Structure formats: structure tokens, C-alpha cells
Amino acid sequence: MNRPPGLPRIVIFSIAALFWSTLPARASDPLVALSATELRFGTQAQGTSSSPQAVVVTNIGQADLIISSITLSGENSADFVESTTCPSAPAVLPAGRNCEIRVLFHPHSSGPEMTGTLTISDNASGSPRSVAVRGIPTPAAPGITLAPASLGFGNQPVASVSAAHSITLTNSGSVTLNLTSAIALSGADASEFRIAKSANSCPEDSGQLAPRTSCEIDVVFAPVTPGAKNAQLEIMDAAAGSPHVVSLNATAVAPRQ
């Protein structure tokens, strides 16, 4: 083809170079697919950890993927924690295999949104590849976790006392939890349940529970009349969502003859 008048030859060569530089990776190369390019953690109280979120790294190519590094960077990188199931030493992910990088948000202070970057460096086209991480820290606060959320006592003869069933109360927050009144029983059949003592009993009246510590509330069922019985254990405290409630259910049956 004749070169159009006035068109410099160097432009023709530049177009050719651009064509070659944008060719896709060969099928025999490693290729990477990420399950996410951003992880949003929402709000998280200072000094506590979020549930982890995962990025799945899949080698969709036909050659080994060599992962040279996985890092967190950015101004708030210390407020995110990374762990991985990806291979290391040697960091080879075979074709068709995948691995996970898990990140959780653990803010050390409160304030505006915190951000960071998860960077994966490897031998595939497009490396390094980045995943944005972000979360909003809130002021330190107490939290409460009750396990289990309900107690079932099954059948119990009238005029007898069941074995104690335990509820574990945990301060899942980052500051002291204040129990603002005595732990109490309520509901139609509350009089047929009792709170018992254990070696690690929660405070009987108002009290405090340090961060990330637990205590126990033991409950027994002592039926007076037959039938299905229902009540609630109520905890008044300074954590969000108070009062916190555990449902109790049991069935009182005729005494054994």
C-alpha cells in the first residue's frame, strides 16, 4: 500500500508497536481472576475486630502462578489485618486452583473512614493487582454476646429440680460493660425457673465485666404444675440493645410413680 502523502513513516511504526503491546496474554500463561476489587467493612467499634472478608484468587490460566508478595499498604494499613491460604515458599498456585486472602478490620482509633490497599504481586499479566479496603471506626463501646440465645430444658417431673443449664455472657466490646441491675427472670412462668450460682457466676446485682471476659448465668427448672412453661432471662446493661434476653422453655410432666 502506498503511504499517504504527508504521513510520517514513524506514525506507521508507532501504531504497529501499540498493537503488539496490547495483545492479550497467551493461553499457556498464568491468568488471574479476583473475586472482589473492594472490601467494605461498614462501621466497627474501636478496639474490636470485624468478621473477616475474603478475596478469592483463581489461576484461570494454563501455567503455574507464582505469587511474589501479598501486602497491605496505605495510611490506615495498620487497622486492617490480612491472612491467607495462598501458597508460600514456594508461592506457586497451579493452573485451575484458587486460594483465599482474608482481611478483617480492627480500628485502633475512632474518626473518619479508614482505607488501605491490598496488593498482590505475581508473574501474570496485570500484576500488581489491587483491592481497596475501607471501614468506618466508631468510638469504643461495650458489647454483649449471650450463648446460647435460648435454653430448652425438655421434660421435667413436677416437684423436682432440673440440672443447671448455663448461659455464657461475654463482653465482646473494647471497654468495661456495666450491668445496671440484677439479672432477672420474667414471663408467665418465671416463678418455675431459678437462677443458680456457679464458680464463674455473673454479678448478682449491678456489676462490671471487663472487655473480652465472660461470666456464667446458671438456670434451673423447678416446675410446680404440669404443662408447657416459658419465661425469659433479662439482663439490663450499658451495651447497645439492652435489655438483652434469653428465652427459656420447658415442659413439666407428672411425677414418676
C-alpha atoms as a PDB file:
ATOM      1  CA  MET A   1       0.000   0.000   0.000  1.00  0.00           C
ATOM      2  CA  ASN A   2       1.304   3.481  -0.847  1.00  0.00           C
ATOM      3  CA  ARG A   3       1.916   5.740   2.096  1.00  0.00           C
ATOM      4  CA  PRO A   4      -0.487   8.700   2.015  1.00  0.00           C
ATOM      5  CA  PRO A   5       1.251  11.919   1.172  1.00  0.00           C
ATOM      6  CA  GLY A   6       2.473  13.828   4.218  1.00  0.00           C
ATOM      7  CA  LEU A   7       2.062  10.949   6.714  1.00  0.00           C
ATOM      8  CA  PRO A   8       5.350  10.419   8.582  1.00  0.00           C
ATOM      9  CA  ARG A   9       6.646   6.826   8.486  1.00  0.00           C
ATOM     10  CA  ILE A  10       7.271   6.889  12.262  1.00  0.00           C
ATOM     11  CA  VAL A  11       3.495   7.065  12.897  1.00  0.00           C
ATOM     12  CA  ILE A  12       3.009   3.793  11.000  1.00  0.00           C
ATOM     13  CA  PHE A  13       5.667   2.124  13.162  1.00  0.00           C
ATOM     14  CA  SER A  14       4.077   3.531  16.373  1.00  0.00           C
ATOM     15  CA  ILE A  15       0.670   2.048  15.520  1.00  0.00           C
ATOM     16  CA  ALA A  16       2.293  -1.344  14.987  1.00  0.00           C
ATOM     17  CA  ALA A  17       4.069  -1.145  18.342  1.00  0.00           C
ATOM     18  CA  LEU A  18       0.809  -0.260  20.102  1.00  0.00           C
ATOM     19  CA  PHE A  19      -0.891  -3.272  18.506  1.00  0.00           C
ATOM     20  CA  TRP A  20       1.731  -5.681  19.774  1.00  0.00           C
ATOM     21  CA  SER A  21       1.803  -4.165  23.274  1.00  0.00           C
ATOM     22  CA  THR A  22      -1.953  -4.663  23.746  1.00  0.00           C
ATOM     23  CA  LEU A  23      -2.149  -8.305  22.666  1.00  0.00           C
ATOM     24  CA  PRO A  24      -3.776 -10.486  25.368  1.00  0.00           C
ATOM     25  CA  ALA A  25      -1.727 -12.945  27.382  1.00  0.00           C
ATOM     26  CA  ARG A  26      -1.212 -16.329  25.714  1.00  0.00           C
ATOM     27  CA  ALA A  27      -3.444 -19.204  26.772  1.00  0.00           C
ATOM     28  CA  SER A  28      -0.364 -21.005  28.094  1.00  0.00           C
ATOM     29  CA  ASP A  29       0.378 -18.178  30.545  1.00  0.00           C
ATOM     30  CA  PRO A  30      -0.946 -17.909  34.110  1.00  0.00           C
ATOM     31  CA  LEU A  31      -4.028 -15.707  34.329  1.00  0.00           C
ATOM     32  CA  VAL A  32      -5.569 -14.270  37.488  1.00  0.00           C
ATOM     33  CA  ALA A  33      -9.200 -13.686  38.440  1.00  0.00           C
ATOM     34  CA  LEU A  34     -10.079 -11.932  41.706  1.00  0.00           C
ATOM     35  CA  SER A  35     -13.477 -12.365  43.373  1.00  0.00           C
ATOM     36  CA  ALA A  36     -13.522  -8.718  44.521  1.00  0.00           C
ATOM     37  CA  THR A  37     -11.743  -5.444  43.878  1.00  0.00           C
ATOM     38  CA  GLU A  38     -13.053  -3.727  47.025  1.00  0.00           C
ATOM     39  CA  LEU A  39     -13.876  -4.815  50.583  1.00  0.00           C
ATOM     40  CA  ARG A  40     -16.255  -2.600  52.605  1.00  0.00           C
ATOM     41  CA  PHE A  41     -16.469  -3.314  56.334  1.00  0.00           C
ATOM     42  CA  GLY A  42     -19.022  -0.696  57.388  1.00  0.00           C
ATOM     43  CA  THR A  43     -18.840   0.528  60.988  1.00  0.00           C
ATOM     44  CA  GLN A  44     -16.683  -1.135  63.648  1.00  0.00           C
ATOM     45  CA  ALA A  45     -16.110  -0.080  67.253  1.00  0.00           C
ATOM     46  CA  GLN A  46     -12.586   0.979  68.166  1.00  0.00           C
ATOM     47  CA  GLY A  47     -10.567  -1.895  69.608  1.00  0.00           C
ATOM     48  CA  THR A  48     -12.807  -4.654  68.203  1.00  0.00           C
ATOM     49  CA  SER A  49     -12.464  -6.882  65.142  1.00  0.00           C
ATOM     50  CA  SER A  50     -14.906  -7.304  62.298  1.00  0.00           C
ATOM     51  CA  SER A  51     -15.780 -10.611  60.709  1.00  0.00           C
ATOM     52  CA  PRO A  52     -13.231 -11.405  58.001  1.00  0.00           C
ATOM     53  CA  GLN A  53     -13.981 -10.790  54.340  1.00  0.00           C
ATOM     54  CA  ALA A  54     -12.296 -12.819  51.640  1.00  0.00           C
ATOM     55  CA  VAL A  55     -10.795 -12.247  48.220  1.00  0.00           C
ATOM     56  CA  VAL A  56     -10.522 -15.458  46.208  1.00  0.00           C
ATOM     57  CA  VAL A  57      -7.510 -15.590  43.882  1.00  0.00           C
ATOM     58  CA  THR A  58      -8.012 -18.043  40.995  1.00  0.00           C
ATOM     59  CA  ASN A  59      -5.426 -19.064  38.417  1.00  0.00           C
ATOM     60  CA  ILE A  60      -7.594 -19.391  35.304  1.00  0.00           C
ATOM     61  CA  GLY A  61      -4.567 -19.819  33.015  1.00  0.00           C
ATOM     62  CA  GLN A  62      -2.685 -22.938  31.973  1.00  0.00           C
ATOM     63  CA  ALA A  63       0.629 -22.319  33.732  1.00  0.00           C
ATOM     64  CA  ASP A  64       1.725 -22.003  37.348  1.00  0.00           C
ATOM     65  CA  LEU A  65       1.030 -18.673  39.012  1.00  0.00           C
ATOM     66  CA  ILE A  66       3.949 -17.516  41.149  1.00  0.00           C
ATOM     67  CA  ILE A  67       2.807 -15.121  43.902  1.00  0.00           C
ATOM     68  CA  SER A  68       5.742 -12.978  44.969  1.00  0.00           C
ATOM     69  CA  SER A  69       4.005 -10.894  47.665  1.00  0.00           C
ATOM     70  CA  ILE A  70       0.706 -10.046  49.339  1.00  0.00           C
ATOM     71  CA  THR A  71       0.798  -6.756  51.248  1.00  0.00           C
ATOM     72  CA  LEU A  72      -1.392  -4.166  52.931  1.00  0.00           C
ATOM     73  CA  SER A  73      -0.423  -0.539  52.445  1.00  0.00           C
ATOM     74  CA  GLY A  74      -1.836   2.930  52.910  1.00  0.00           C
ATOM     75  CA  GLU A  75      -2.243   5.426  55.725  1.00  0.00           C
ATOM     76  CA  ASN A  76      -4.536   3.117  57.721  1.00  0.00           C
ATOM     77  CA  SER A  77      -2.978  -0.225  56.803  1.00  0.00           C
ATOM     78  CA  ALA A  78      -2.279  -0.992  60.491  1.00  0.00           C
ATOM     79  CA  ASP A  79      -6.045  -1.016  61.119  1.00  0.00           C
ATOM     80  CA  PHE A  80      -6.571  -3.960  58.752  1.00  0.00           C
ATOM     81  CA  VAL A  81      -5.283  -7.484  59.300  1.00  0.00           C
ATOM     82  CA  GLU A  82      -4.540  -9.899  56.476  1.00  0.00           C
ATOM     83  CA  SER A  83      -4.189 -13.674  56.487  1.00  0.00           C
ATOM     84  CA  THR A  84      -4.107 -16.086  53.585  1.00  0.00           C
ATOM     85  CA  THR A  85      -4.398 -19.665  52.430  1.00  0.00           C
ATOM     86  CA  CYS A  86      -2.358 -18.818  49.346  1.00  0.00           C
ATOM     87  CA  PRO A  87       0.858 -20.827  48.999  1.00  0.00           C
ATOM     88  CA  SER A  88       4.193 -19.527  50.168  1.00  0.00           C
ATOM     89  CA  ALA A  89       7.805 -20.678  49.886  1.00  0.00           C
ATOM     90  CA  PRO A  90       7.369 -21.696  47.117  1.00  0.00           C
ATOM     91  CA  ALA A  91       4.374 -19.470  46.355  1.00  0.00           C
ATOM     92  CA  VAL A  92       3.101 -21.460  43.377  1.00  0.00           C
ATOM     93  CA  LEU A  93      -0.619 -21.681  42.588  1.00  0.00           C
ATOM     94  CA  PRO A  94      -1.149 -24.332  39.899  1.00  0.00           C
ATOM     95  CA  ALA A  95      -3.439 -23.771  36.928  1.00  0.00           C
ATOM     96  CA  GLY A  96      -7.106 -24.147  37.817  1.00  0.00           C
ATOM     97  CA  ARG A  97      -6.536 -23.753  41.571  1.00  0.00           C
ATOM     98  CA  ASN A  98      -7.567 -20.936  43.910  1.00  0.00           C
ATOM     99  CA  CYS A  99      -6.721 -19.596  47.338  1.00  0.00           C
ATOM    100  CA  GLU A 100      -8.154 -17.016  49.738  1.00  0.00           C
ATOM    101  CA  ILE A 101      -6.864 -13.805  51.210  1.00  0.00           C
ATOM    102  CA  ARG A 102      -8.856 -12.839  54.309  1.00  0.00           C
ATOM    103  CA  VAL A 103      -8.948  -9.311  55.695  1.00  0.00           C
ATOM    104  CA  LEU A 104     -10.539  -8.045  58.885  1.00  0.00           C
ATOM    105  CA  PHE A 105     -10.994  -4.502  60.166  1.00  0.00           C
ATOM    106  CA  HIS A 106      -9.635  -3.729  63.644  1.00  0.00           C
ATOM    107  CA  PRO A 107      -9.591   0.064  64.149  1.00  0.00           C
ATOM    108  CA  HIS A 108      -7.227   1.369  66.801  1.00  0.00           C
ATOM    109  CA  SER A 109      -8.884   4.794  66.947  1.00  0.00           C
ATOM    110  CA  SER A 110     -12.174   6.417  66.003  1.00  0.00           C
ATOM    111  CA  GLY A 111     -12.694   9.089  63.381  1.00  0.00           C
ATOM    112  CA  PRO A 112     -13.327   9.311  59.634  1.00  0.00           C
ATOM    113  CA  GLU A 113     -13.352   6.391  57.223  1.00  0.00           C
ATOM    114  CA  MET A 114     -10.156   4.352  57.172  1.00  0.00           C
ATOM    115  CA  THR A 115      -8.768   2.986  53.924  1.00  0.00           C
ATOM    116  CA  GLY A 116      -5.969   0.775  52.712  1.00  0.00           C
ATOM    117  CA  THR A 117      -4.860  -1.231  49.706  1.00  0.00           C
ATOM    118  CA  LEU A 118      -4.323  -4.967  49.458  1.00  0.00           C
ATOM    119  CA  THR A 119      -1.721  -5.594  46.759  1.00  0.00           C
ATOM    120  CA  ILE A 120      -0.983  -8.937  45.108  1.00  0.00           C
ATOM    121  CA  SER A 121       2.182  -9.237  43.027  1.00  0.00           C
ATOM    122  CA  ASP A 122       2.697 -12.238  40.749  1.00  0.00           C
ATOM    123  CA  ASN A 123       4.029 -13.355  37.376  1.00  0.00           C
ATOM    124  CA  ALA A 124       0.756 -12.970  35.458  1.00  0.00           C
ATOM    125  CA  SER A 125      -0.282 -10.184  33.139  1.00  0.00           C
ATOM    126  CA  GLY A 126      -1.745  -7.209  35.008  1.00  0.00           C
ATOM    127  CA  SER A 127       0.440  -7.557  38.103  1.00  0.00           C
ATOM    128  CA  PRO A 128       0.477  -5.942  40.596  1.00  0.00           C
ATOM    129  CA  ARG A 129      -3.283  -6.089  41.211  1.00  0.00           C
ATOM    130  CA  SER A 130      -5.032  -4.119  43.954  1.00  0.00           C
ATOM    131  CA  VAL A 131      -8.070  -4.488  46.202  1.00  0.00           C
ATOM    132  CA  ALA A 132      -9.325  -1.414  48.101  1.00  0.00           C
ATOM    133  CA  VAL A 133     -10.262  -1.958  51.762  1.00  0.00           C
ATOM    134  CA  ARG A 134     -12.306   0.515  53.794  1.00  0.00           C
ATOM    135  CA  GLY A 135     -14.162   0.757  57.072  1.00  0.00           C
ATOM    136  CA  ILE A 136     -15.637   3.362  59.407  1.00  0.00           C
ATOM    137  CA  PRO A 137     -14.398   3.325  63.019  1.00  0.00           C
ATOM    138  CA  THR A 138     -16.757   4.263  65.833  1.00  0.00           C
ATOM    139  CA  PRO A 139     -15.915   5.126  69.463  1.00  0.00           C
ATOM    140  CA  ALA A 140     -15.001   2.285  71.798  1.00  0.00           C
ATOM    141  CA  ALA A 141     -18.053   0.708  73.395  1.00  0.00           C
ATOM    142  CA  PRO A 142     -19.034  -2.344  75.407  1.00  0.00           C
ATOM    143  CA  GLY A 143     -20.714  -5.220  73.634  1.00  0.00           C
ATOM    144  CA  ILE A 144     -22.625  -8.249  74.810  1.00  0.00           C
ATOM    145  CA  THR A 145     -22.789 -11.781  73.492  1.00  0.00           C
ATOM    146  CA  LEU A 146     -25.043 -14.427  75.033  1.00  0.00           C
ATOM    147  CA  ALA A 147     -24.585 -18.102  74.242  1.00  0.00           C
ATOM    148  CA  PRO A 148     -26.856 -19.871  73.774  1.00  0.00           C
ATOM    149  CA  ALA A 149     -29.605 -17.446  72.800  1.00  0.00           C
ATOM    150  CA  SER A 150     -32.260 -19.762  74.274  1.00  0.00           C
ATOM    151  CA  LEU A 151     -32.427 -22.643  76.751  1.00  0.00           C
ATOM    152  CA  GLY A 152     -34.593 -25.719  76.429  1.00  0.00           C
ATOM    153  CA  PHE A 153     -34.969 -27.945  79.494  1.00  0.00           C
ATOM    154  CA  GLY A 154     -37.067 -30.688  77.950  1.00  0.00           C
ATOM    155  CA  ASN A 155     -39.364 -32.714  80.204  1.00  0.00           C
ATOM    156  CA  GLN A 156     -39.065 -32.340  83.968  1.00  0.00           C
ATOM    157  CA  PRO A 157     -41.275 -34.007  86.601  1.00  0.00           C
ATOM    158  CA  VAL A 158     -43.349 -31.690  88.756  1.00  0.00           C
ATOM    159  CA  ALA A 159     -41.868 -31.067  92.204  1.00  0.00           C
ATOM    160  CA  SER A 160     -38.317 -31.841  91.076  1.00  0.00           C
ATOM    161  CA  VAL A 161     -35.368 -29.671  90.087  1.00  0.00           C
ATOM    162  CA  SER A 162     -33.509 -29.974  86.776  1.00  0.00           C
ATOM    163  CA  ALA A 163     -29.785 -29.904  86.289  1.00  0.00           C
ATOM    164  CA  ALA A 164     -28.398 -26.399  85.825  1.00  0.00           C
ATOM    165  CA  HIS A 165     -28.188 -25.036  82.293  1.00  0.00           C
ATOM    166  CA  SER A 166     -25.542 -22.370  81.674  1.00  0.00           C
ATOM    167  CA  ILE A 167     -25.591 -19.173  79.651  1.00  0.00           C
ATOM    168  CA  THR A 168     -22.237 -17.533  78.912  1.00  0.00           C
ATOM    169  CA  LEU A 169     -22.284 -13.745  78.935  1.00  0.00           C
ATOM    170  CA  THR A 170     -19.286 -12.181  77.164  1.00  0.00           C
ATOM    171  CA  ASN A 171     -18.265  -8.537  76.938  1.00  0.00           C
ATOM    172  CA  SER A 172     -17.363  -8.518  73.237  1.00  0.00           C
ATOM    173  CA  GLY A 173     -16.610  -4.784  73.288  1.00  0.00           C
ATOM    174  CA  SER A 174     -13.449  -2.823  73.991  1.00  0.00           C
ATOM    175  CA  VAL A 175     -14.461  -1.046  77.228  1.00  0.00           C
ATOM    176  CA  THR A 176     -15.951  -2.211  80.534  1.00  0.00           C
ATOM    177  CA  LEU A 177     -19.533  -3.469  80.411  1.00  0.00           C
ATOM    178  CA  ASN A 178     -21.761  -2.127  83.189  1.00  0.00           C
ATOM    179  CA  LEU A 179     -24.585  -4.385  84.353  1.00  0.00           C
ATOM    180  CA  THR A 180     -27.051  -1.809  85.583  1.00  0.00           C
ATOM    181  CA  SER A 181     -29.390  -4.009  87.624  1.00  0.00           C
ATOM    182  CA  ALA A 182     -29.796  -7.547  88.909  1.00  0.00           C
ATOM    183  CA  ILE A 183     -30.190 -10.292  86.315  1.00  0.00           C
ATOM    184  CA  ALA A 184     -33.870 -11.225  86.494  1.00  0.00           C
ATOM    185  CA  LEU A 185     -36.462 -13.741  85.323  1.00  0.00           C
ATOM    186  CA  SER A 186     -39.710 -12.583  83.735  1.00  0.00           C
ATOM    187  CA  GLY A 187     -42.684 -14.021  81.899  1.00  0.00           C
ATOM    188  CA  ALA A 188     -45.763 -16.065  82.705  1.00  0.00           C
ATOM    189  CA  ASP A 189     -43.848 -18.992  84.219  1.00  0.00           C
ATOM    190  CA  ALA A 190     -40.870 -17.140  85.668  1.00  0.00           C
ATOM    191  CA  SER A 191     -41.571 -18.471  89.169  1.00  0.00           C
ATOM    192  CA  GLU A 192     -40.827 -22.026  87.998  1.00  0.00           C
ATOM    193  CA  PHE A 193     -37.283 -21.170  86.916  1.00  0.00           C
ATOM    194  CA  ARG A 194     -34.443 -20.145  89.220  1.00  0.00           C
ATOM    195  CA  ILE A 195     -31.047 -18.541  88.845  1.00  0.00           C
ATOM    196  CA  ALA A 196     -28.328 -20.643  90.462  1.00  0.00           C
ATOM    197  CA  LYS A 197     -24.730 -19.884  91.393  1.00  0.00           C
ATOM    198  CA  SER A 198     -21.632 -21.276  89.722  1.00  0.00           C
ATOM    199  CA  ALA A 199     -17.885 -20.870  90.128  1.00  0.00           C
ATOM    200  CA  ASN A 200     -17.884 -18.149  87.470  1.00  0.00           C
ATOM    201  CA  SER A 201     -21.252 -16.548  88.161  1.00  0.00           C
ATOM    202  CA  CYS A 202     -22.069 -13.115  86.796  1.00  0.00           C
ATOM    203  CA  PRO A 203     -22.640 -10.373  89.391  1.00  0.00           C
ATOM    204  CA  GLU A 204     -25.873 -10.957  91.297  1.00  0.00           C
ATOM    205  CA  ASP A 205     -26.784  -7.284  91.305  1.00  0.00           C
ATOM    206  CA  SER A 206     -25.291  -4.436  89.299  1.00  0.00           C
ATOM    207  CA  GLY A 207     -21.643  -5.002  88.417  1.00  0.00           C
ATOM    208  CA  GLN A 208     -18.995  -4.756  85.741  1.00  0.00           C
ATOM    209  CA  LEU A 209     -17.371  -7.059  83.214  1.00  0.00           C
ATOM    210  CA  ALA A 210     -14.006  -6.226  81.682  1.00  0.00           C
ATOM    211  CA  PRO A 211     -13.535  -6.259  77.895  1.00  0.00           C
ATOM    212  CA  ARG A 212     -13.250  -9.710  76.313  1.00  0.00           C
ATOM    213  CA  THR A 213     -14.075 -11.523  79.555  1.00  0.00           C
ATOM    214  CA  SER A 214     -17.011 -13.790  80.345  1.00  0.00           C
ATOM    215  CA  CYS A 215     -19.189 -14.938  83.215  1.00  0.00           C
ATOM    216  CA  GLU A 216     -21.907 -17.552  83.593  1.00  0.00           C
ATOM    217  CA  ILE A 217     -25.597 -17.473  84.454  1.00  0.00           C
ATOM    218  CA  ASP A 218     -26.925 -20.854  85.598  1.00  0.00           C
ATOM    219  CA  VAL A 219     -30.666 -21.535  85.420  1.00  0.00           C
ATOM    220  CA  VAL A 220     -32.633 -24.483  86.804  1.00  0.00           C
ATOM    221  CA  PHE A 221     -36.222 -25.533  86.118  1.00  0.00           C
ATOM    222  CA  ALA A 222     -38.320 -26.431  89.174  1.00  0.00           C
ATOM    223  CA  PRO A 223     -41.915 -26.961  87.990  1.00  0.00           C
ATOM    224  CA  VAL A 224     -44.860 -26.740  90.336  1.00  0.00           C
ATOM    225  CA  THR A 225     -47.681 -27.573  87.923  1.00  0.00           C
ATOM    226  CA  PRO A 226     -47.721 -29.660  84.724  1.00  0.00           C
ATOM    227  CA  GLY A 227     -47.671 -28.207  81.229  1.00  0.00           C
ATOM    228  CA  ALA A 228     -45.521 -26.191  78.840  1.00  0.00           C
ATOM    229  CA  LYS A 229     -43.550 -23.451  80.579  1.00  0.00           C
ATOM    230  CA  ASN A 230     -41.979 -20.321  79.125  1.00  0.00           C
ATOM    231  CA  ALA A 231     -40.014 -17.457  80.645  1.00  0.00           C
ATOM    232  CA  GLN A 232     -37.217 -15.027  79.895  1.00  0.00           C
ATOM    233  CA  LEU A 233     -33.887 -14.190  81.457  1.00  0.00           C
ATOM    234  CA  GLU A 234     -33.355 -10.410  81.247  1.00  0.00           C
ATOM    235  CA  ILE A 235     -30.077  -8.526  81.524  1.00  0.00           C
ATOM    236  CA  MET A 236     -30.042  -4.750  81.861  1.00  0.00           C
ATOM    237  CA  ASP A 237     -26.718  -3.269  80.815  1.00  0.00           C
ATOM    238  CA  ALA A 238     -24.987  -0.331  79.153  1.00  0.00           C
ATOM    239  CA  ALA A 239     -24.437  -2.039  75.786  1.00  0.00           C
ATOM    240  CA  ALA A 240     -26.492  -1.299  72.699  1.00  0.00           C
ATOM    241  CA  GLY A 241     -29.737  -3.272  72.529  1.00  0.00           C
ATOM    242  CA  SER A 242     -30.342  -3.514  76.268  1.00  0.00           C
ATOM    243  CA  PRO A 243     -32.225  -5.253  77.780  1.00  0.00           C
ATOM    244  CA  HIS A 244     -30.744  -8.476  76.445  1.00  0.00           C
ATOM    245  CA  VAL A 245     -32.966 -11.535  76.685  1.00  0.00           C
ATOM    246  CA  VAL A 246     -32.554 -15.305  76.674  1.00  0.00           C
ATOM    247  CA  SER A 247     -35.745 -17.321  76.200  1.00  0.00           C
ATOM    248  CA  LEU A 248     -36.425 -20.307  78.470  1.00  0.00           C
ATOM    249  CA  ASN A 249     -38.752 -23.171  77.669  1.00  0.00           C
ATOM    250  CA  ALA A 250     -39.551 -26.488  79.308  1.00  0.00           C
ATOM    251  CA  THR A 251     -42.318 -28.991  79.855  1.00  0.00           C
ATOM    252  CA  ALA A 252     -43.472 -30.083  83.315  1.00  0.00           C
ATOM    253  CA  VAL A 253     -44.763 -33.643  83.420  1.00  0.00           C
ATOM    254  CA  ALA A 254     -46.493 -35.720  86.096  1.00  0.00           C
ATOM    255  CA  PRO A 255     -44.194 -37.044  88.814  1.00  0.00           C
ATOM    256  CA  ARG A 256     -42.796 -40.517  88.352  1.00  0.00           C
ATOM    257  CA  GLN A 257     -44.746 -43.117  90.314  1.00  0.00           C
END
